[in-house]
Amino acid sequence: MIKTGILNPAVLDLLARVRHTNTLVISDRGFPFWPEIETVDLSVVDDLPTVAQIVAALRPNFVIGRVFAAEEAMTANSPEKLARHLAALEGLPLTYLSHAELKQRVPAAIGLIRTGDTTQYGNLILESA
């Protein structure tokens, strides 16, 4: 029995398949369904869990080389909400793309973890190192 770290078997299975330079999408609650890639839906209610909470849970066992985020998030959210959202990314190289460009990268991802996050344009793509 697993005692610490990520307990969700679907998330563990997804993470086990990520290799060097592969990507993983962490999405908000409204992100479109992508039938081409595996989706693990962890959403429960609004903001449970958040994208930042999932990133924080992944960081101890997932080597993130860089992160892609939608530039629209910078103006669509309050400074307080944006600060909470980006806090989990501290120390990581962050590249901003338009939301349309970010979505173009989604089909190449190993998988997608959907959250209940209500941060507008709060979706992230994590690239493994």
N, C-alpha and C. Protein backbone atom coordinates (compact mmCIF):
# COMPACT_ATOMS: atom_id res chain seq x y z
N MET A 1 0.83 -1.18 0.00
CA MET A 1 0.00 0.00 0.00
C MET A 1 0.88 1.24 0.00
N ILE A 2 0.55 2.22 -0.85
CA ILE A 2 1.29 3.48 -0.91
C ILE A 2 0.98 4.28 0.34
N LYS A 3 2.03 4.82 0.98
CA LYS A 3 1.84 5.57 2.22
C LYS A 3 1.95 7.08 2.04
N THR A 4 2.70 7.52 1.05
CA THR A 4 2.87 8.96 0.86
C THR A 4 2.83 9.30 -0.62
N GLY A 5 2.70 10.58 -0.89
CA GLY A 5 2.71 11.02 -2.28
C GLY A 5 1.37 10.82 -2.95
N ILE A 6 1.40 10.74 -4.24
CA ILE A 6 0.18 10.61 -5.03
C ILE A 6 -0.43 9.22 -4.82
N LEU A 7 -1.71 9.20 -4.49
CA LEU A 7 -2.40 7.95 -4.21
C LEU A 7 -3.29 7.49 -5.35
N ASN A 8 -3.69 8.42 -6.21
CA ASN A 8 -4.63 8.10 -7.28
C ASN A 8 -3.97 7.18 -8.30
N PRO A 9 -4.48 5.96 -8.51
CA PRO A 9 -3.83 5.02 -9.41
C PRO A 9 -3.82 5.49 -10.87
N ALA A 10 -4.84 6.19 -11.31
CA ALA A 10 -4.87 6.67 -12.70
C ALA A 10 -3.80 7.74 -12.92
N VAL A 11 -3.61 8.62 -11.94
CA VAL A 11 -2.56 9.64 -12.05
C VAL A 11 -1.18 8.97 -12.03
N LEU A 12 -0.99 8.02 -11.14
CA LEU A 12 0.29 7.30 -11.08
C LEU A 12 0.60 6.59 -12.40
N ASP A 13 -0.42 5.96 -12.98
CA ASP A 13 -0.24 5.26 -14.25
C ASP A 13 0.15 6.24 -15.35
N LEU A 14 -0.50 7.38 -15.38
CA LEU A 14 -0.20 8.40 -16.37
C LEU A 14 1.23 8.91 -16.20
N LEU A 15 1.62 9.22 -14.98
CA LEU A 15 2.97 9.73 -14.72
C LEU A 15 4.06 8.72 -15.08
N ALA A 16 3.76 7.45 -14.90
CA ALA A 16 4.76 6.41 -15.19
C ALA A 16 5.11 6.34 -16.67
N ARG A 17 4.24 6.90 -17.52
CA ARG A 17 4.49 6.86 -18.97
C ARG A 17 5.15 8.11 -19.51
N VAL A 18 5.35 9.12 -18.67
CA VAL A 18 5.99 10.36 -19.12
C VAL A 18 7.49 10.15 -19.14
N ARG A 19 8.11 10.50 -20.25
CA ARG A 19 9.55 10.39 -20.43
C ARG A 19 10.14 11.77 -20.71
N HIS A 20 11.44 11.81 -20.96
CA HIS A 20 12.16 13.05 -21.23
C HIS A 20 11.47 13.84 -22.35
N THR A 21 11.18 15.08 -22.09
CA THR A 21 10.54 16.07 -22.98
C THR A 21 9.08 15.77 -23.31
N ASN A 22 8.49 14.73 -22.74
CA ASN A 22 7.04 14.52 -22.91
C ASN A 22 6.30 15.59 -22.11
N THR A 23 5.05 15.81 -22.48
CA THR A 23 4.27 16.82 -21.78
C THR A 23 3.03 16.23 -21.14
N LEU A 24 2.56 16.94 -20.13
CA LEU A 24 1.37 16.59 -19.38
C LEU A 24 0.56 17.86 -19.19
N VAL A 25 -0.72 17.82 -19.51
CA VAL A 25 -1.59 18.99 -19.38
C VAL A 25 -2.30 18.92 -18.02
N ILE A 26 -2.29 20.05 -17.31
CA ILE A 26 -3.08 20.19 -16.09
C ILE A 26 -4.11 21.27 -16.42
N SER A 27 -5.38 20.88 -16.45
CA SER A 27 -6.40 21.81 -16.96
C SER A 27 -7.37 22.28 -15.89
N ASP A 28 -8.03 23.38 -16.21
CA ASP A 28 -9.10 23.89 -15.37
C ASP A 28 -10.38 23.12 -15.66
N ARG A 29 -11.44 23.48 -14.99
CA ARG A 29 -12.70 22.72 -15.09
C ARG A 29 -13.38 22.84 -16.44
N GLY A 30 -13.14 23.93 -17.16
CA GLY A 30 -13.84 24.15 -18.42
C GLY A 30 -13.06 23.76 -19.66
N PHE A 31 -11.89 23.18 -19.49
CA PHE A 31 -11.06 22.84 -20.65
C PHE A 31 -11.77 21.80 -21.50
N PRO A 32 -11.73 21.94 -22.82
CA PRO A 32 -12.43 20.99 -23.69
C PRO A 32 -11.89 19.56 -23.55
N PHE A 33 -12.76 18.61 -23.79
CA PHE A 33 -12.37 17.20 -23.80
C PHE A 33 -11.57 16.93 -25.07
N TRP A 34 -10.50 16.19 -24.93
CA TRP A 34 -9.64 15.81 -26.06
C TRP A 34 -9.66 14.29 -26.17
N PRO A 35 -10.46 13.72 -27.07
CA PRO A 35 -10.56 12.26 -27.16
C PRO A 35 -9.26 11.58 -27.55
N GLU A 36 -8.31 12.34 -28.12
CA GLU A 36 -7.05 11.74 -28.56
C GLU A 36 -6.11 11.39 -27.41
N ILE A 37 -6.30 12.02 -26.26
CA ILE A 37 -5.37 11.76 -25.16
C ILE A 37 -6.13 11.33 -23.90
N GLU A 38 -5.45 10.56 -23.09
CA GLU A 38 -6.05 10.08 -21.85
C GLU A 38 -6.31 11.24 -20.91
N THR A 39 -7.48 11.25 -20.30
CA THR A 39 -7.84 12.28 -19.34
C THR A 39 -8.15 11.62 -18.00
N VAL A 40 -7.52 12.15 -16.95
CA VAL A 40 -7.84 11.75 -15.59
C VAL A 40 -8.58 12.93 -14.98
N ASP A 41 -9.84 12.76 -14.69
CA ASP A 41 -10.68 13.84 -14.18
C ASP A 41 -10.70 13.79 -12.66
N LEU A 42 -10.09 14.80 -12.03
CA LEU A 42 -10.06 14.88 -10.57
C LEU A 42 -11.00 15.95 -10.03
N SER A 43 -11.76 16.59 -10.91
CA SER A 43 -12.63 17.69 -10.47
C SER A 43 -13.70 17.17 -9.52
N VAL A 44 -13.96 17.95 -8.47
CA VAL A 44 -14.98 17.60 -7.49
C VAL A 44 -16.03 18.70 -7.44
N VAL A 45 -15.61 19.90 -7.10
CA VAL A 45 -16.44 21.11 -7.11
C VAL A 45 -15.53 22.25 -7.54
N ASP A 46 -16.11 23.46 -7.68
CA ASP A 46 -15.28 24.60 -8.05
C ASP A 46 -14.06 24.70 -7.15
N ASP A 47 -12.89 24.80 -7.80
CA ASP A 47 -11.60 24.99 -7.14
C ASP A 47 -11.17 23.84 -6.23
N LEU A 48 -11.70 22.66 -6.46
CA LEU A 48 -11.25 21.48 -5.73
C LEU A 48 -11.10 20.32 -6.70
N PRO A 49 -9.88 19.91 -6.95
CA PRO A 49 -8.64 20.59 -6.59
C PRO A 49 -8.34 21.70 -7.59
N THR A 50 -7.31 22.49 -7.29
CA THR A 50 -6.87 23.53 -8.22
C THR A 50 -5.68 23.01 -9.04
N VAL A 51 -5.41 23.72 -10.10
CA VAL A 51 -4.23 23.40 -10.92
C VAL A 51 -2.98 23.50 -10.05
N ALA A 52 -2.89 24.56 -9.25
CA ALA A 52 -1.71 24.75 -8.38
C ALA A 52 -1.55 23.59 -7.40
N GLN A 53 -2.64 23.08 -6.86
CA GLN A 53 -2.55 21.95 -5.93
C GLN A 53 -2.02 20.70 -6.63
N ILE A 54 -2.46 20.47 -7.85
CA ILE A 54 -1.99 19.30 -8.59
C ILE A 54 -0.51 19.46 -8.93
N VAL A 55 -0.11 20.63 -9.38
CA VAL A 55 1.31 20.86 -9.68
C VAL A 55 2.15 20.65 -8.42
N ALA A 56 1.70 21.17 -7.29
CA ALA A 56 2.43 20.99 -6.03
C ALA A 56 2.55 19.51 -5.66
N ALA A 57 1.50 18.74 -5.92
CA ALA A 57 1.53 17.31 -5.62
C ALA A 57 2.47 16.55 -6.56
N LEU A 58 2.57 17.00 -7.81
CA LEU A 58 3.42 16.33 -8.79
C LEU A 58 4.90 16.62 -8.60
N ARG A 59 5.24 17.82 -8.17
CA ARG A 59 6.63 18.27 -8.16
C ARG A 59 7.61 17.36 -7.42
N PRO A 60 7.26 16.75 -6.29
CA PRO A 60 8.25 15.91 -5.61
C PRO A 60 8.72 14.70 -6.43
N ASN A 61 7.90 14.22 -7.38
CA ASN A 61 8.24 13.00 -8.12
C ASN A 61 8.22 13.17 -9.63
N PHE A 62 8.09 14.38 -10.11
CA PHE A 62 7.99 14.64 -11.54
C PHE A 62 8.96 15.77 -11.85
N VAL A 63 9.97 15.50 -12.64
CA VAL A 63 10.97 16.51 -12.95
C VAL A 63 10.46 17.39 -14.08
N ILE A 64 10.09 18.61 -13.73
CA ILE A 64 9.52 19.54 -14.70
C ILE A 64 10.64 20.39 -15.27
N GLY A 65 10.79 20.33 -16.59
CA GLY A 65 11.82 21.12 -17.26
C GLY A 65 11.36 22.52 -17.56
N ARG A 66 10.11 22.64 -18.00
CA ARG A 66 9.52 23.95 -18.25
C ARG A 66 8.00 23.82 -18.28
N VAL A 67 7.37 24.99 -18.20
CA VAL A 67 5.92 25.06 -18.13
C VAL A 67 5.43 26.03 -19.20
N PHE A 68 4.36 25.66 -19.86
CA PHE A 68 3.70 26.53 -20.83
C PHE A 68 2.37 26.97 -20.22
N ALA A 69 2.08 28.27 -20.32
CA ALA A 69 0.85 28.83 -19.78
C ALA A 69 0.26 29.82 -20.78
N ALA A 70 -1.03 30.07 -20.66
CA ALA A 70 -1.71 31.01 -21.55
C ALA A 70 -1.46 32.44 -21.06
N GLU A 71 -1.01 33.28 -21.97
CA GLU A 71 -0.74 34.67 -21.61
C GLU A 71 -2.01 35.40 -21.18
N GLU A 72 -3.16 34.95 -21.63
CA GLU A 72 -4.42 35.58 -21.26
C GLU A 72 -4.69 35.49 -19.76
N ALA A 73 -4.11 34.51 -19.09
CA ALA A 73 -4.30 34.36 -17.64
C ALA A 73 -3.81 35.58 -16.89
N MET A 74 -2.82 36.26 -17.43
CA MET A 74 -2.21 37.40 -16.76
C MET A 74 -3.19 38.57 -16.60
N THR A 75 -4.11 38.72 -17.54
CA THR A 75 -5.04 39.86 -17.48
C THR A 75 -6.47 39.44 -17.11
N ALA A 76 -6.78 38.17 -17.20
CA ALA A 76 -8.16 37.70 -16.96
C ALA A 76 -8.45 37.41 -15.50
N ASN A 77 -7.43 37.43 -14.65
CA ASN A 77 -7.61 37.07 -13.24
C ASN A 77 -7.14 38.20 -12.33
N SER A 78 -7.66 38.21 -11.12
CA SER A 78 -7.20 39.20 -10.15
C SER A 78 -5.74 38.91 -9.80
N PRO A 79 -5.00 39.93 -9.38
CA PRO A 79 -3.61 39.69 -8.98
C PRO A 79 -3.48 38.64 -7.88
N GLU A 80 -4.44 38.62 -6.94
CA GLU A 80 -4.39 37.64 -5.85
C GLU A 80 -4.58 36.22 -6.37
N LYS A 81 -5.58 36.05 -7.24
CA LYS A 81 -5.84 34.71 -7.79
C LYS A 81 -4.67 34.24 -8.64
N LEU A 82 -4.11 35.15 -9.44
CA LEU A 82 -2.97 34.81 -10.28
C LEU A 82 -1.76 34.42 -9.43
N ALA A 83 -1.53 35.14 -8.35
CA ALA A 83 -0.41 34.82 -7.46
C ALA A 83 -0.56 33.43 -6.85
N ARG A 84 -1.78 33.08 -6.42
CA ARG A 84 -2.02 31.73 -5.87
C ARG A 84 -1.80 30.66 -6.94
N HIS A 85 -2.25 30.97 -8.15
CA HIS A 85 -2.14 30.02 -9.26
C HIS A 85 -0.67 29.77 -9.63
N LEU A 86 0.12 30.82 -9.67
CA LEU A 86 1.51 30.69 -10.11
C LEU A 86 2.48 30.29 -9.00
N ALA A 87 2.04 30.33 -7.75
CA ALA A 87 2.92 30.01 -6.62
C ALA A 87 3.53 28.61 -6.74
N ALA A 88 2.77 27.66 -7.26
CA ALA A 88 3.26 26.28 -7.38
C ALA A 88 4.35 26.15 -8.44
N LEU A 89 4.54 27.18 -9.26
CA LEU A 89 5.53 27.12 -10.35
C LEU A 89 6.84 27.78 -9.99
N GLU A 90 6.98 28.21 -8.75
CA GLU A 90 8.18 28.92 -8.34
C GLU A 90 9.45 28.16 -8.72
N GLY A 91 10.36 28.88 -9.37
CA GLY A 91 11.63 28.30 -9.76
C GLY A 91 11.63 27.55 -11.08
N LEU A 92 10.46 27.44 -11.71
CA LEU A 92 10.38 26.72 -12.99
C LEU A 92 10.38 27.69 -14.16
N PRO A 93 11.05 27.35 -15.26
CA PRO A 93 10.98 28.19 -16.45
C PRO A 93 9.56 28.20 -17.00
N LEU A 94 9.02 29.40 -17.20
CA LEU A 94 7.64 29.56 -17.62
C LEU A 94 7.60 30.29 -18.95
N THR A 95 6.93 29.67 -19.93
CA THR A 95 6.77 30.26 -21.26
C THR A 95 5.30 30.57 -21.47
N TYR A 96 5.02 31.82 -21.82
CA TYR A 96 3.64 32.22 -22.10
C TYR A 96 3.36 32.13 -23.59
N LEU A 97 2.23 31.54 -23.92
CA LEU A 97 1.74 31.44 -25.29
C LEU A 97 0.31 31.94 -25.32
N SER A 98 -0.18 32.26 -26.50
CA SER A 98 -1.61 32.57 -26.58
C SER A 98 -2.38 31.30 -26.24
N HIS A 99 -3.61 31.48 -25.79
CA HIS A 99 -4.44 30.32 -25.44
C HIS A 99 -4.60 29.38 -26.65
N ALA A 100 -4.71 29.96 -27.84
CA ALA A 100 -4.83 29.15 -29.06
C ALA A 100 -3.56 28.34 -29.31
N GLU A 101 -2.40 28.95 -29.09
CA GLU A 101 -1.14 28.22 -29.28
C GLU A 101 -0.99 27.12 -28.24
N LEU A 102 -1.42 27.40 -27.01
CA LEU A 102 -1.34 26.40 -25.95
C LEU A 102 -2.18 25.17 -26.33
N LYS A 103 -3.39 25.42 -26.83
CA LYS A 103 -4.27 24.30 -27.22
C LYS A 103 -3.69 23.49 -28.38
N GLN A 104 -2.90 24.11 -29.23
CA GLN A 104 -2.28 23.37 -30.34
C GLN A 104 -1.29 22.34 -29.82
N ARG A 105 -0.75 22.54 -28.63
CA ARG A 105 0.22 21.60 -28.04
C ARG A 105 -0.44 20.42 -27.34
N VAL A 106 -1.73 20.53 -27.06
CA VAL A 106 -2.42 19.52 -26.27
C VAL A 106 -2.39 18.12 -26.89
N PRO A 107 -2.68 17.94 -28.18
CA PRO A 107 -2.73 16.58 -28.72
C PRO A 107 -1.41 15.80 -28.62
N ALA A 108 -0.30 16.49 -28.46
CA ALA A 108 0.99 15.81 -28.34
C ALA A 108 1.29 15.36 -26.91
N ALA A 109 0.44 15.72 -25.96
CA ALA A 109 0.68 15.39 -24.55
C ALA A 109 0.44 13.91 -24.28
N ILE A 110 1.11 13.39 -23.28
CA ILE A 110 0.90 12.02 -22.83
C ILE A 110 -0.50 11.88 -22.23
N GLY A 111 -0.95 12.92 -21.56
CA GLY A 111 -2.27 12.88 -20.95
C GLY A 111 -2.65 14.21 -20.37
N LEU A 112 -3.85 14.25 -19.77
CA LEU A 112 -4.41 15.47 -19.24
C LEU A 112 -5.03 15.16 -17.88
N ILE A 113 -4.74 16.01 -16.91
CA ILE A 113 -5.38 15.90 -15.60
C ILE A 113 -6.30 17.10 -15.47
N ARG A 114 -7.61 16.83 -15.36
CA ARG A 114 -8.61 17.89 -15.25
C ARG A 114 -8.88 18.15 -13.78
N THR A 115 -8.92 19.44 -13.42
CA THR A 115 -9.18 19.86 -12.05
C THR A 115 -10.51 20.61 -11.99
N GLY A 116 -10.84 21.09 -10.81
CA GLY A 116 -12.01 21.92 -10.64
C GLY A 116 -11.67 23.41 -10.63
N ASP A 117 -10.47 23.74 -11.05
CA ASP A 117 -9.97 25.11 -10.99
C ASP A 117 -10.83 26.07 -11.79
N THR A 118 -11.10 27.25 -11.20
CA THR A 118 -11.87 28.29 -11.87
C THR A 118 -10.99 29.45 -12.33
N THR A 119 -9.68 29.31 -12.27
CA THR A 119 -8.78 30.34 -12.77
C THR A 119 -8.95 30.44 -14.27
N GLN A 120 -9.30 31.62 -14.76
CA GLN A 120 -9.50 31.79 -16.19
C GLN A 120 -8.18 31.61 -16.93
N TYR A 121 -8.22 30.80 -17.99
CA TYR A 121 -7.03 30.47 -18.78
C TYR A 121 -5.93 29.86 -17.89
N GLY A 122 -6.34 29.12 -16.88
CA GLY A 122 -5.40 28.59 -15.91
C GLY A 122 -4.75 27.27 -16.28
N ASN A 123 -4.93 26.82 -17.50
CA ASN A 123 -4.37 25.55 -17.94
C ASN A 123 -2.84 25.66 -18.08
N LEU A 124 -2.16 24.57 -17.73
CA LEU A 124 -0.71 24.53 -17.85
C LEU A 124 -0.30 23.27 -18.61
N ILE A 125 0.79 23.38 -19.32
CA ILE A 125 1.41 22.19 -19.92
C ILE A 125 2.78 22.06 -19.29
N LEU A 126 3.00 20.92 -18.63
CA LEU A 126 4.28 20.64 -18.00
C LEU A 126 5.11 19.78 -18.93
N GLU A 127 6.34 20.20 -19.16
CA GLU A 127 7.25 19.41 -19.99
C GLU A 127 8.29 18.79 -19.08
N SER A 128 8.47 17.49 -19.18
CA SER A 128 9.44 16.81 -18.32
C SER A 128 10.85 17.14 -18.77
N ALA A 129 11.73 17.14 -17.81
CA ALA A 129 13.13 17.46 -18.10
C ALA A 129 13.86 16.24 -18.60
